[in-house]
N, C-alpha and C. Protein backbone atom coordinates (compact mmCIF):
# COMPACT_ATOMS: atom_id res chain seq x y z
N MET A 1 -26.65 -45.38 -6.38
CA MET A 1 -25.42 -44.82 -5.25
C MET A 1 -24.71 -46.07 -4.73
N ALA A 2 -23.63 -45.72 -4.57
CA ALA A 2 -22.81 -46.79 -3.85
C ALA A 2 -23.28 -46.88 -2.28
N ALA A 3 -22.82 -47.90 -1.88
CA ALA A 3 -23.23 -48.26 -0.47
C ALA A 3 -21.90 -48.42 0.34
N TYR A 4 -22.17 -48.59 1.69
CA TYR A 4 -20.90 -48.73 2.48
C TYR A 4 -21.32 -49.90 3.44
N GLY A 5 -20.19 -50.50 4.05
CA GLY A 5 -20.50 -51.61 4.92
C GLY A 5 -20.21 -51.23 6.40
N SER A 6 -20.25 -52.14 7.39
CA SER A 6 -19.78 -52.05 8.77
C SER A 6 -18.59 -53.14 8.93
N ILE A 7 -17.81 -52.55 10.13
CA ILE A 7 -16.72 -53.36 10.32
C ILE A 7 -16.68 -53.50 11.88
N SER A 8 -16.68 -54.80 12.52
CA SER A 8 -16.53 -54.72 14.04
C SER A 8 -15.22 -54.21 14.46
N ALA A 9 -14.97 -54.01 15.94
CA ALA A 9 -13.79 -53.46 16.45
C ALA A 9 -12.84 -54.93 16.27
N ASP A 10 -13.23 -56.07 16.48
CA ASP A 10 -12.20 -57.16 16.27
C ASP A 10 -11.65 -57.33 14.82
N GLU A 11 -12.77 -57.22 13.89
CA GLU A 11 -12.51 -57.08 12.45
C GLU A 11 -11.40 -55.99 12.04
N LEU A 12 -11.53 -54.72 12.56
CA LEU A 12 -10.56 -53.72 12.28
C LEU A 12 -9.31 -53.94 12.85
N ASN A 13 -9.26 -54.44 14.26
CA ASN A 13 -8.10 -54.56 14.73
C ASN A 13 -7.14 -55.83 14.02
N ALA A 14 -7.68 -56.89 13.51
CA ALA A 14 -7.19 -57.75 12.59
C ALA A 14 -6.57 -57.15 11.24
N ARG A 15 -7.18 -55.99 10.84
CA ARG A 15 -6.67 -55.60 9.51
C ARG A 15 -5.92 -54.13 9.60
N LEU A 16 -5.66 -53.68 10.96
CA LEU A 16 -4.89 -52.56 11.02
C LEU A 16 -3.66 -52.52 10.46
N GLY A 17 -3.42 -51.50 9.54
CA GLY A 17 -2.09 -51.39 8.72
C GLY A 17 -2.33 -51.59 7.40
N GLU A 18 -3.59 -52.46 7.07
CA GLU A 18 -3.89 -52.74 5.85
C GLU A 18 -4.89 -51.98 5.02
N VAL A 19 -5.71 -51.14 6.13
CA VAL A 19 -6.86 -50.23 5.71
C VAL A 19 -6.51 -48.83 5.93
N ALA A 20 -7.03 -48.00 4.93
CA ALA A 20 -7.04 -46.65 5.28
C ALA A 20 -7.98 -46.23 6.35
N LEU A 21 -7.52 -45.76 7.53
CA LEU A 21 -8.30 -45.40 8.63
C LEU A 21 -8.48 -44.12 8.91
N PHE A 22 -9.64 -43.44 9.10
CA PHE A 22 -9.88 -41.98 9.31
C PHE A 22 -10.80 -41.74 10.61
N ASP A 23 -10.34 -40.78 11.29
CA ASP A 23 -11.00 -40.42 12.45
C ASP A 23 -11.68 -39.18 12.27
N VAL A 24 -13.20 -39.19 12.33
CA VAL A 24 -13.86 -37.89 11.91
C VAL A 24 -14.24 -37.12 12.96
N ARG A 25 -13.80 -37.33 14.24
CA ARG A 25 -14.04 -36.64 15.52
C ARG A 25 -13.34 -35.36 15.66
N GLY A 26 -13.83 -34.44 16.37
CA GLY A 26 -12.98 -33.18 16.56
C GLY A 26 -11.86 -33.31 17.63
N PRO A 27 -10.95 -32.18 17.41
CA PRO A 27 -9.68 -32.10 18.51
C PRO A 27 -9.97 -32.47 19.76
N ALA A 28 -10.91 -31.99 20.41
CA ALA A 28 -11.16 -32.12 21.75
C ALA A 28 -11.28 -33.65 21.98
N GLU A 29 -12.08 -34.24 21.17
CA GLU A 29 -12.19 -35.90 21.39
C GLU A 29 -10.92 -36.65 20.82
N THR A 30 -10.32 -36.29 19.97
CA THR A 30 -9.02 -36.99 19.53
C THR A 30 -7.96 -36.84 20.43
N ASP A 31 -7.98 -35.69 21.15
CA ASP A 31 -6.85 -35.55 22.26
C ASP A 31 -7.18 -36.78 23.27
N ARG A 32 -8.23 -37.27 23.55
CA ARG A 32 -8.27 -38.30 24.52
C ARG A 32 -7.79 -39.65 24.10
N GLY A 33 -7.43 -39.76 22.59
CA GLY A 33 -6.86 -41.00 22.19
C GLY A 33 -7.37 -41.37 20.85
N VAL A 34 -6.61 -42.05 19.93
CA VAL A 34 -7.23 -42.55 18.76
C VAL A 34 -6.68 -43.98 18.52
N ILE A 35 -7.24 -44.35 17.39
CA ILE A 35 -6.94 -45.79 16.90
C ILE A 35 -5.51 -45.66 16.08
N GLU A 36 -4.54 -46.63 16.51
CA GLU A 36 -3.17 -46.39 16.00
C GLU A 36 -3.44 -46.25 14.49
N GLY A 37 -2.67 -45.38 13.73
CA GLY A 37 -2.55 -45.31 12.31
C GLY A 37 -3.69 -44.36 11.66
N ALA A 38 -4.50 -43.95 12.58
CA ALA A 38 -5.69 -43.08 12.08
C ALA A 38 -5.32 -41.75 11.46
N VAL A 39 -5.95 -41.23 10.52
CA VAL A 39 -5.77 -39.93 10.12
C VAL A 39 -6.74 -39.13 10.54
N LEU A 40 -6.68 -37.95 11.06
CA LEU A 40 -7.50 -37.04 11.70
C LEU A 40 -8.25 -36.23 10.63
N MET A 41 -9.41 -36.51 10.50
CA MET A 41 -10.19 -35.76 9.31
C MET A 41 -11.73 -35.36 9.99
N PRO A 42 -11.69 -34.16 10.85
CA PRO A 42 -12.99 -33.77 11.44
C PRO A 42 -14.06 -33.71 10.32
N LEU A 43 -15.39 -34.21 10.70
CA LEU A 43 -16.31 -34.40 9.84
C LEU A 43 -16.63 -33.23 8.78
N HIS A 44 -16.50 -31.94 9.40
CA HIS A 44 -16.72 -30.96 8.49
C HIS A 44 -15.69 -30.73 7.30
N LEU A 45 -14.64 -31.34 7.59
CA LEU A 45 -13.41 -31.20 6.60
C LEU A 45 -13.67 -32.21 5.43
N VAL A 46 -14.42 -33.26 5.69
CA VAL A 46 -14.59 -34.51 4.62
C VAL A 46 -14.88 -33.92 3.23
N PRO A 47 -15.86 -33.16 3.10
CA PRO A 47 -16.27 -32.68 1.86
C PRO A 47 -15.22 -32.06 1.10
N MET A 48 -14.23 -31.44 1.89
CA MET A 48 -13.13 -30.73 1.04
C MET A 48 -12.11 -31.43 0.78
N ASN A 49 -12.11 -32.82 1.19
CA ASN A 49 -10.86 -33.86 0.93
C ASN A 49 -11.39 -35.04 0.67
N VAL A 50 -12.06 -35.20 -0.39
CA VAL A 50 -12.82 -36.37 -0.88
C VAL A 50 -11.82 -37.08 -1.41
N ASP A 51 -10.67 -36.50 -2.42
CA ASP A 51 -9.64 -37.33 -2.75
C ASP A 51 -8.79 -38.15 -1.97
N ARG A 52 -8.67 -37.78 -0.83
CA ARG A 52 -7.77 -38.27 0.30
C ARG A 52 -8.29 -39.64 0.71
N PHE A 53 -9.71 -39.76 0.24
CA PHE A 53 -10.30 -41.32 0.61
C PHE A 53 -10.33 -42.12 -0.57
N ARG A 54 -9.68 -41.59 -1.71
CA ARG A 54 -9.70 -42.53 -2.86
C ARG A 54 -8.26 -43.35 -2.79
N GLY A 55 -8.36 -44.70 -3.35
CA GLY A 55 -7.15 -45.23 -3.29
C GLY A 55 -7.38 -46.70 -3.58
N ASP A 56 -6.37 -47.54 -3.39
CA ASP A 56 -6.53 -49.02 -3.56
C ASP A 56 -6.66 -49.85 -2.25
N ARG A 57 -6.97 -49.11 -1.18
CA ARG A 57 -7.27 -49.76 0.04
C ARG A 57 -8.58 -49.64 0.52
N ASP A 58 -9.11 -50.68 1.45
CA ASP A 58 -10.50 -50.41 1.98
C ASP A 58 -10.39 -49.17 3.04
N VAL A 59 -11.28 -48.52 3.01
CA VAL A 59 -11.43 -47.28 4.01
C VAL A 59 -12.49 -47.41 5.07
N VAL A 60 -11.73 -47.34 6.17
CA VAL A 60 -12.65 -47.41 7.52
C VAL A 60 -12.75 -46.13 8.14
N ILE A 61 -13.87 -45.68 8.63
CA ILE A 61 -14.18 -44.41 9.09
C ILE A 61 -14.77 -44.54 10.47
N TYR A 62 -14.14 -43.78 11.37
CA TYR A 62 -14.91 -44.03 12.99
C TYR A 62 -15.09 -42.58 13.59
N CYS A 63 -15.92 -42.61 14.53
CA CYS A 63 -16.21 -41.41 15.31
C CYS A 63 -16.28 -42.03 16.69
N HIS A 64 -17.24 -41.11 17.49
CA HIS A 64 -17.35 -41.70 19.01
C HIS A 64 -18.27 -42.98 18.88
N SER A 65 -19.39 -42.68 18.56
CA SER A 65 -20.27 -43.83 18.52
C SER A 65 -20.82 -44.52 17.22
N GLY A 66 -20.33 -43.89 16.21
CA GLY A 66 -20.53 -44.53 14.75
C GLY A 66 -21.52 -43.49 13.97
N ALA A 67 -22.06 -42.63 14.59
CA ALA A 67 -23.26 -41.63 13.87
C ALA A 67 -22.46 -40.78 12.99
N ARG A 68 -21.55 -39.99 13.32
CA ARG A 68 -20.88 -38.91 12.29
C ARG A 68 -20.09 -39.86 11.41
N SER A 69 -19.48 -40.93 11.76
CA SER A 69 -18.86 -41.62 10.76
C SER A 69 -19.88 -42.33 9.64
N ALA A 70 -20.99 -42.67 10.11
CA ALA A 70 -22.11 -43.02 9.05
C ALA A 70 -22.41 -42.01 8.16
N GLN A 71 -22.35 -40.66 8.65
CA GLN A 71 -22.68 -39.79 7.94
C GLN A 71 -21.61 -39.49 6.67
N ALA A 72 -20.43 -39.44 7.21
CA ALA A 72 -19.17 -39.44 6.39
C ALA A 72 -19.21 -40.57 5.31
N CYS A 73 -19.61 -41.79 5.66
CA CYS A 73 -19.56 -43.04 4.86
C CYS A 73 -20.81 -42.78 3.84
N GLN A 74 -21.93 -42.18 4.11
CA GLN A 74 -22.69 -41.96 3.17
C GLN A 74 -22.62 -40.82 2.23
N PHE A 75 -22.16 -39.89 2.70
CA PHE A 75 -21.52 -38.77 1.77
C PHE A 75 -20.55 -39.18 0.79
N LEU A 76 -19.39 -39.84 1.29
CA LEU A 76 -18.23 -40.49 0.42
C LEU A 76 -18.87 -41.46 -0.60
N ALA A 77 -19.76 -42.22 -0.21
CA ALA A 77 -20.39 -43.37 -1.06
C ALA A 77 -21.15 -42.51 -2.29
N GLY A 78 -21.64 -41.36 -1.82
CA GLY A 78 -22.37 -40.62 -2.75
C GLY A 78 -21.53 -39.88 -3.80
N GLN A 79 -20.18 -39.77 -3.51
CA GLN A 79 -18.90 -39.03 -4.37
C GLN A 79 -18.45 -40.20 -4.95
N GLY A 80 -18.86 -41.55 -4.90
CA GLY A 80 -18.30 -42.70 -5.77
C GLY A 80 -17.09 -43.19 -5.03
N ILE A 81 -16.88 -43.14 -3.79
CA ILE A 81 -15.95 -43.83 -3.03
C ILE A 81 -16.69 -45.28 -2.83
N ASP A 82 -15.74 -46.14 -3.01
CA ASP A 82 -16.30 -47.52 -2.66
C ASP A 82 -15.37 -48.27 -1.59
N CYS A 83 -15.78 -49.39 -1.23
CA CYS A 83 -14.74 -50.23 -0.31
C CYS A 83 -14.77 -49.56 1.03
N LEU A 84 -15.98 -48.73 1.52
CA LEU A 84 -16.04 -48.06 2.65
C LEU A 84 -16.63 -48.79 3.84
N PHE A 85 -16.09 -48.55 5.09
CA PHE A 85 -16.58 -49.15 6.13
C PHE A 85 -16.93 -48.13 7.28
N ASN A 86 -17.99 -48.24 8.02
CA ASN A 86 -18.16 -47.76 9.34
C ASN A 86 -17.82 -48.59 10.70
N LEU A 87 -17.05 -48.06 11.64
CA LEU A 87 -16.51 -48.88 12.63
C LEU A 87 -17.84 -49.02 13.40
N GLN A 88 -18.49 -50.25 13.76
CA GLN A 88 -19.68 -50.45 14.75
C GLN A 88 -19.50 -49.87 16.03
N GLY A 89 -20.16 -48.94 16.54
CA GLY A 89 -20.10 -48.42 17.75
C GLY A 89 -19.15 -47.54 18.09
N GLY A 90 -18.33 -47.24 17.03
CA GLY A 90 -17.19 -46.25 17.17
C GLY A 90 -16.14 -46.56 18.12
N VAL A 91 -15.24 -45.46 18.40
CA VAL A 91 -14.05 -45.61 19.34
C VAL A 91 -14.51 -46.14 20.76
N MET A 92 -15.96 -45.68 21.17
CA MET A 92 -16.39 -46.07 22.24
C MET A 92 -16.48 -47.59 22.26
N TYR A 93 -16.85 -48.23 21.44
CA TYR A 93 -16.87 -49.65 21.37
C TYR A 93 -15.45 -50.32 21.23
N TRP A 94 -14.82 -49.70 20.49
CA TRP A 94 -13.30 -50.20 20.31
C TRP A 94 -12.54 -50.13 21.81
N ALA A 95 -12.63 -49.14 22.51
CA ALA A 95 -12.24 -49.08 23.80
C ALA A 95 -12.81 -50.00 24.90
N GLY A 96 -14.28 -50.09 24.55
CA GLY A 96 -14.83 -50.83 25.56
C GLY A 96 -14.49 -52.28 25.31
N SER A 97 -13.85 -52.73 24.14
CA SER A 97 -13.63 -54.05 23.94
C SER A 97 -12.18 -54.38 24.46
N GLY A 98 -11.73 -53.28 25.07
CA GLY A 98 -10.30 -53.60 25.69
C GLY A 98 -9.17 -53.42 24.46
N LEU A 99 -9.51 -52.88 23.49
CA LEU A 99 -8.55 -52.30 22.54
C LEU A 99 -7.91 -51.19 22.68
N PRO A 100 -6.59 -50.93 22.45
CA PRO A 100 -5.84 -49.71 22.75
C PRO A 100 -6.13 -48.44 21.85
N LEU A 101 -6.03 -47.48 22.54
CA LEU A 101 -6.07 -46.21 22.19
C LEU A 101 -4.56 -45.45 22.33
N VAL A 102 -3.99 -44.68 21.16
CA VAL A 102 -2.73 -44.08 21.55
C VAL A 102 -3.10 -42.52 21.39
N PRO A 103 -2.06 -41.56 21.64
CA PRO A 103 -2.04 -40.36 21.65
C PRO A 103 -2.13 -40.06 20.28
N PRO A 104 -2.89 -38.77 19.75
CA PRO A 104 -2.62 -38.46 18.28
C PRO A 104 -1.37 -38.12 17.76
N ALA A 105 -1.00 -38.34 16.63
CA ALA A 105 0.07 -37.68 16.17
C ALA A 105 0.12 -36.20 16.06
N GLN A 106 1.21 -35.57 16.47
CA GLN A 106 1.29 -34.14 16.32
C GLN A 106 1.52 -33.48 15.07
């Protein structure tokens, strides 16, 4: 089975725009702000959208603390998706590091 790695907030910040970024939180959470460029994909929709995670870019997934995104990474790795990374500490650590959040795209 394929595995996935982890990425720090600083590493992700340096790679924004070159990775495929997915936020697996729900709408009530994403309304408070997202990392710029993130595709909103609530965790329960991940299994129905596996092909959206395939491509030629590394995939970074995040949630509030890193637990749900780890579940998504584990599931996607089992579907043969590679180059997967879970954001360490989730958006909570991102924001706590002083990195910006933006309103979700409508």
